[in-house]
Amino acid sequence: MDEKQCLVEKYKLKHENNAWYSERENSHKHLIFKDAYFERTDVLGLLFRINKLCIAKVKYFRANIEKYEPLKYHYKDGFVFVPLWDADFLRHRASGLILDFRYLQTITVYEDFAALCSELESYEVKDNELNE
């Protein structure tokens, strides 16, 4: 099974009328993405759309995903490494800081997101200086 299909199953998305919908118990059915978006985007784009993250965040993480490790939380094992489609968190390799997709949703001002990115990148500079 490919990663996109794994993502669809994880979030129990329903396919109907050339679109994918979330239909959870005790909530209204709502559109997540249309088939055209599903076909043309990557797993990161789909994951961020499901988690309601803006295009600026998609672009940043798409360009820098190699600097992050996808994680999810297991109640016994703590944070565990998973494939990107299964991630609920991203760990920044250089700093060790863990970003929760729900936290990223709360950042609604572009300048605040840019400040977070700058802070994370400052760890990369420090890490590069130590390796030289």
C-alpha atoms as a PDB file:
ATOM      1  CA  MET A   1       0.000   0.000   0.000  1.00  0.00           C
ATOM      2  CA  ASP A   2       1.427   3.417  -0.873  1.00  0.00           C
ATOM      3  CA  GLU A   3       1.884   6.203   1.675  1.00  0.00           C
ATOM      4  CA  LYS A   4      -1.089   8.234   0.459  1.00  0.00           C
ATOM      5  CA  GLN A   5      -3.420   5.283   0.945  1.00  0.00           C
ATOM      6  CA  CYS A   6      -1.949   4.683   4.417  1.00  0.00           C
ATOM      7  CA  LEU A   7      -2.704   8.317   5.265  1.00  0.00           C
ATOM      8  CA  VAL A   8      -6.292   7.970   4.016  1.00  0.00           C
ATOM      9  CA  GLU A   9      -6.775   4.879   6.189  1.00  0.00           C
ATOM     10  CA  LYS A  10      -5.181   6.436   9.265  1.00  0.00           C
ATOM     11  CA  TYR A  11      -7.573   9.389   9.152  1.00  0.00           C
ATOM     12  CA  LYS A  12     -10.524   7.240   7.957  1.00  0.00           C
ATOM     13  CA  LEU A  13     -11.202   9.562   5.033  1.00  0.00           C
ATOM     14  CA  LYS A  14     -14.191   8.770   2.835  1.00  0.00           C
ATOM     15  CA  HIS A  15     -14.057   9.149  -0.955  1.00  0.00           C
ATOM     16  CA  GLU A  16     -17.173  10.608  -2.534  1.00  0.00           C
ATOM     17  CA  ASN A  17     -17.915  12.798  -5.583  1.00  0.00           C
ATOM     18  CA  ASN A  18     -14.232  13.184  -6.571  1.00  0.00           C
ATOM     19  CA  ALA A  19     -13.250  14.384  -3.111  1.00  0.00           C
ATOM     20  CA  TRP A  20     -12.065  13.110   0.264  1.00  0.00           C
ATOM     21  CA  TYR A  21     -14.057  13.863   3.410  1.00  0.00           C
ATOM     22  CA  SER A  22     -13.598  13.463   7.128  1.00  0.00           C
ATOM     23  CA  GLU A  23     -16.670  12.070   8.786  1.00  0.00           C
ATOM     24  CA  ARG A  24     -16.028  11.502  12.451  1.00  0.00           C
ATOM     25  CA  GLU A  25     -18.444  10.544  15.143  1.00  0.00           C
ATOM     26  CA  ASN A  26     -20.228  13.544  16.701  1.00  0.00           C
ATOM     27  CA  SER A  27     -19.034  15.972  14.012  1.00  0.00           C
ATOM     28  CA  HIS A  28     -20.178  17.172  10.623  1.00  0.00           C
ATOM     29  CA  LYS A  29     -18.731  15.764   7.425  1.00  0.00           C
ATOM     30  CA  HIS A  30     -16.226  18.187   5.950  1.00  0.00           C
ATOM     31  CA  LEU A  31     -14.120  18.340   2.813  1.00  0.00           C
ATOM     32  CA  ILE A  32     -10.409  17.685   3.264  1.00  0.00           C
ATOM     33  CA  PHE A  33      -9.240  17.764  -0.369  1.00  0.00           C
ATOM     34  CA  LYS A  34     -10.403  17.033  -3.883  1.00  0.00           C
ATOM     35  CA  ASP A  35      -9.047  14.266  -6.096  1.00  0.00           C
ATOM     36  CA  ALA A  36      -6.973  16.708  -8.174  1.00  0.00           C
ATOM     37  CA  TYR A  37      -5.108  17.883  -5.050  1.00  0.00           C
ATOM     38  CA  PHE A  38      -4.721  14.293  -3.831  1.00  0.00           C
ATOM     39  CA  GLU A  39      -3.154  13.261  -7.141  1.00  0.00           C
ATOM     40  CA  ARG A  40      -0.770  16.191  -7.601  1.00  0.00           C
ATOM     41  CA  THR A  41       0.589  16.727  -4.109  1.00  0.00           C
ATOM     42  CA  ASP A  42       2.947  14.704  -1.940  1.00  0.00           C
ATOM     43  CA  VAL A  43       2.353  13.023   1.414  1.00  0.00           C
ATOM     44  CA  LEU A  44       3.591  16.083   3.292  1.00  0.00           C
ATOM     45  CA  GLY A  45       1.065  18.302   1.503  1.00  0.00           C
ATOM     46  CA  LEU A  46      -1.761  15.885   2.300  1.00  0.00           C
ATOM     47  CA  LEU A  47      -0.676  15.501   5.923  1.00  0.00           C
ATOM     48  CA  PHE A  48      -0.499  19.247   6.407  1.00  0.00           C
ATOM     49  CA  ARG A  49      -3.900  19.751   4.708  1.00  0.00           C
ATOM     50  CA  ILE A  50      -5.485  17.179   7.028  1.00  0.00           C
ATOM     51  CA  ASN A  51      -3.931  19.007   9.987  1.00  0.00           C
ATOM     52  CA  LYS A  52      -5.135  22.373   8.630  1.00  0.00           C
ATOM     53  CA  LEU A  53      -1.674  23.878   8.228  1.00  0.00           C
ATOM     54  CA  CYS A  54      -1.157  26.780   5.824  1.00  0.00           C
ATOM     55  CA  ILE A  55       0.792  26.744   2.573  1.00  0.00           C
ATOM     56  CA  ALA A  56       3.695  28.714   4.113  1.00  0.00           C
ATOM     57  CA  LYS A  57       4.253  25.848   6.563  1.00  0.00           C
ATOM     58  CA  VAL A  58       3.954  23.278   3.776  1.00  0.00           C
ATOM     59  CA  LYS A  59       6.551  25.129   1.688  1.00  0.00           C
ATOM     60  CA  TYR A  60       8.964  25.514   4.600  1.00  0.00           C
ATOM     61  CA  PHE A  61       8.783  21.892   5.726  1.00  0.00           C
ATOM     62  CA  ARG A  62       8.836  20.557   2.170  1.00  0.00           C
ATOM     63  CA  ALA A  63      12.101  22.445   1.576  1.00  0.00           C
ATOM     64  CA  ASN A  64      13.558  21.404   4.941  1.00  0.00           C
ATOM     65  CA  ILE A  65      12.040  18.010   5.735  1.00  0.00           C
ATOM     66  CA  GLU A  66      15.469  16.338   5.843  1.00  0.00           C
ATOM     67  CA  LYS A  67      16.157  18.410   8.980  1.00  0.00           C
ATOM     68  CA  TYR A  68      13.250  16.735  10.791  1.00  0.00           C
ATOM     69  CA  GLU A  69      12.306  13.267  11.957  1.00  0.00           C
ATOM     70  CA  PRO A  70       8.648  12.198  11.930  1.00  0.00           C
ATOM     71  CA  LEU A  71       7.359  10.930  15.260  1.00  0.00           C
ATOM     72  CA  LYS A  72       4.217   9.833  17.011  1.00  0.00           C
ATOM     73  CA  TYR A  73       3.627   9.283  20.697  1.00  0.00           C
ATOM     74  CA  HIS A  74       3.088   5.841  22.167  1.00  0.00           C
ATOM     75  CA  TYR A  75       1.853   5.721  25.751  1.00  0.00           C
ATOM     76  CA  LYS A  76       4.402   3.067  26.787  1.00  0.00           C
ATOM     77  CA  ASP A  77       7.336   3.823  24.517  1.00  0.00           C
ATOM     78  CA  GLY A  78       7.129   7.629  24.401  1.00  0.00           C
ATOM     79  CA  PHE A  79       8.034   9.257  21.095  1.00  0.00           C
ATOM     80  CA  VAL A  80       8.740   6.724  18.353  1.00  0.00           C
ATOM     81  CA  PHE A  81      10.028   7.187  14.818  1.00  0.00           C
ATOM     82  CA  VAL A  82       7.430   6.542  12.115  1.00  0.00           C
ATOM     83  CA  PRO A  83       7.033   7.072   8.368  1.00  0.00           C
ATOM     84  CA  LEU A  84       6.010  10.619   7.475  1.00  0.00           C
ATOM     85  CA  TRP A  85       2.408   9.657   6.656  1.00  0.00           C
ATOM     86  CA  ASP A  86       1.945   8.403  10.246  1.00  0.00           C
ATOM     87  CA  ALA A  87       3.530  11.398  11.995  1.00  0.00           C
ATOM     88  CA  ASP A  88       1.854  13.599  14.589  1.00  0.00           C
ATOM     89  CA  PHE A  89       5.078  15.399  15.461  1.00  0.00           C
ATOM     90  CA  LEU A  90       8.303  16.495  13.802  1.00  0.00           C
ATOM     91  CA  ARG A  91      11.581  16.497  15.744  1.00  0.00           C
ATOM     92  CA  HIS A  92      14.114  19.056  14.636  1.00  0.00           C
ATOM     93  CA  ARG A  93      17.366  17.105  14.393  1.00  0.00           C
ATOM     94  CA  ALA A  94      19.775  19.915  15.299  1.00  0.00           C
ATOM     95  CA  SER A  95      17.898  21.149  18.377  1.00  0.00           C
ATOM     96  CA  GLY A  96      15.949  18.080  19.462  1.00  0.00           C
ATOM     97  CA  LEU A  97      12.840  20.250  19.751  1.00  0.00           C
ATOM     98  CA  ILE A  98       9.595  18.481  18.930  1.00  0.00           C
ATOM     99  CA  LEU A  99       6.883  20.298  17.012  1.00  0.00           C
ATOM    100  CA  ASP A 100       3.321  19.115  17.401  1.00  0.00           C
ATOM    101  CA  PHE A 101       1.057  19.664  14.382  1.00  0.00           C
ATOM    102  CA  ARG A 102      -1.563  21.049  16.790  1.00  0.00           C
ATOM    103  CA  TYR A 103       0.965  23.626  17.999  1.00  0.00           C
ATOM    104  CA  LEU A 104       1.766  24.598  14.410  1.00  0.00           C
ATOM    105  CA  GLN A 105      -1.974  25.191  13.871  1.00  0.00           C
ATOM    106  CA  THR A 106      -1.934  27.846  16.581  1.00  0.00           C
ATOM    107  CA  ILE A 107       0.651  29.937  14.728  1.00  0.00           C
ATOM    108  CA  THR A 108      -1.492  32.164  12.544  1.00  0.00           C
ATOM    109  CA  VAL A 109       0.758  35.187  12.046  1.00  0.00           C
ATOM    110  CA  TYR A 110       3.407  34.683   9.368  1.00  0.00           C
ATOM    111  CA  GLU A 111       6.025  36.658  11.305  1.00  0.00           C
ATOM    112  CA  ASP A 112       5.582  34.340  14.295  1.00  0.00           C
ATOM    113  CA  PHE A 113       6.165  31.309  12.069  1.00  0.00           C
ATOM    114  CA  ALA A 114       9.205  32.993  10.495  1.00  0.00           C
ATOM    115  CA  ALA A 115      10.567  33.647  14.018  1.00  0.00           C
ATOM    116  CA  LEU A 116      10.143  29.967  14.898  1.00  0.00           C
ATOM    117  CA  CYS A 117      11.972  28.952  11.718  1.00  0.00           C
ATOM    118  CA  SER A 118      14.797  31.388  12.472  1.00  0.00           C
ATOM    119  CA  GLU A 119      15.128  30.023  15.985  1.00  0.00           C
ATOM    120  CA  LEU A 120      15.321  26.452  14.698  1.00  0.00           C
ATOM    121  CA  GLU A 121      17.823  27.436  12.013  1.00  0.00           C
ATOM    122  CA  SER A 122      20.030  29.060  14.671  1.00  0.00           C
ATOM    123  CA  TYR A 123      20.579  25.583  16.128  1.00  0.00           C
ATOM    124  CA  GLU A 124      21.647  24.362  12.698  1.00  0.00           C
ATOM    125  CA  VAL A 125      24.267  27.114  12.491  1.00  0.00           C
ATOM    126  CA  LYS A 126      25.582  26.171  15.945  1.00  0.00           C
ATOM    127  CA  ASP A 127      25.600  22.500  14.952  1.00  0.00           C
ATOM    128  CA  ASN A 128      27.503  23.288  11.722  1.00  0.00           C
ATOM    129  CA  GLU A 129      30.052  25.385  13.604  1.00  0.00           C
ATOM    130  CA  LEU A 130      30.694  22.513  16.018  1.00  0.00           C
ATOM    131  CA  ASN A 131      31.239  20.096  13.131  1.00  0.00           C
ATOM    132  CA  GLU A 132      33.792  22.338  11.399  1.00  0.00           C
END
